[in-house]
Protein backbone atom coordinates (compact mmCIF):
# COMPACT_ATOMS: atom_id res chain seq x y z
CA MET A 1 0.38 0.13 0.16
CA GLU A 2 1.47 3.44 -0.97
CA VAL A 3 1.29 6.02 1.38
CA LYS A 4 0.59 9.75 0.05
CA LYS A 5 1.20 12.95 2.11
CA ARG A 6 -0.53 15.89 1.48
CA ILE A 7 2.08 18.92 1.28
CA ALA A 8 1.02 22.70 0.42
CA ILE A 9 3.74 24.49 -1.15
CA ILE A 10 3.60 28.28 -0.54
CA THR A 11 5.74 31.18 -2.25
CA GLY A 12 5.97 34.77 -1.10
CA ALA A 13 4.89 33.28 2.40
CA SER A 14 6.92 35.93 4.40
CA GLY A 15 4.33 38.91 3.71
CA GLY A 16 0.89 39.71 2.25
CA ILE A 17 -1.55 37.15 0.85
CA GLY A 18 1.30 34.26 0.88
CA ARG A 19 1.66 34.93 4.88
CA GLU A 20 -2.23 34.62 5.41
CA PHE A 21 -2.38 31.68 3.06
CA THR A 22 0.30 29.76 5.28
CA ARG A 23 -1.58 30.98 8.38
CA LEU A 24 -4.87 29.65 6.72
CA MET A 25 -3.33 26.15 5.86
CA THR A 26 -2.46 25.45 9.46
CA PHE A 27 -6.45 24.68 9.89
CA GLU A 28 -6.35 22.38 6.66
CA ASN A 29 -5.72 18.84 6.54
CA VAL A 30 -2.29 18.64 5.41
CA ASP A 31 0.75 16.58 6.49
CA GLU A 32 3.27 19.66 5.49
CA ILE A 33 3.64 23.13 4.53
CA TRP A 34 6.62 24.43 2.87
CA ALA A 35 6.81 28.03 3.27
CA ILE A 36 9.05 29.70 0.62
CA ALA A 37 10.13 33.40 0.90
CA ARG A 38 13.25 35.57 0.05
CA ASN A 39 13.01 37.42 3.35
CA GLN A 40 14.34 34.88 5.77
CA THR A 41 13.75 37.31 9.12
CA LYS A 42 9.95 37.46 8.49
CA LEU A 43 9.76 33.74 7.41
CA VAL A 44 11.44 33.28 10.85
CA ALA A 45 8.95 35.23 12.43
CA LEU A 46 6.02 33.43 10.65
CA LYS A 47 7.44 29.93 11.70
CA LYS A 48 7.51 31.22 15.35
CA SER A 49 3.92 32.35 15.34
CA LEU A 50 2.65 29.30 13.72
CA GLU A 51 4.48 27.31 16.30
CA THR A 52 2.37 28.36 19.07
CA LYS A 53 -0.78 26.92 17.74
């Protein structure tokens, strides 16, 4: 039996629509969220804010 993961890949996750979409994906039935962004500082801040959920 093959096990498939549901992975959400979000670009532009450090700001604007990408950031909000990343937050919304935490409420969906996905196994992993891959957040991609150019601004590492904002991406790390987003990760920290999501870890509290």
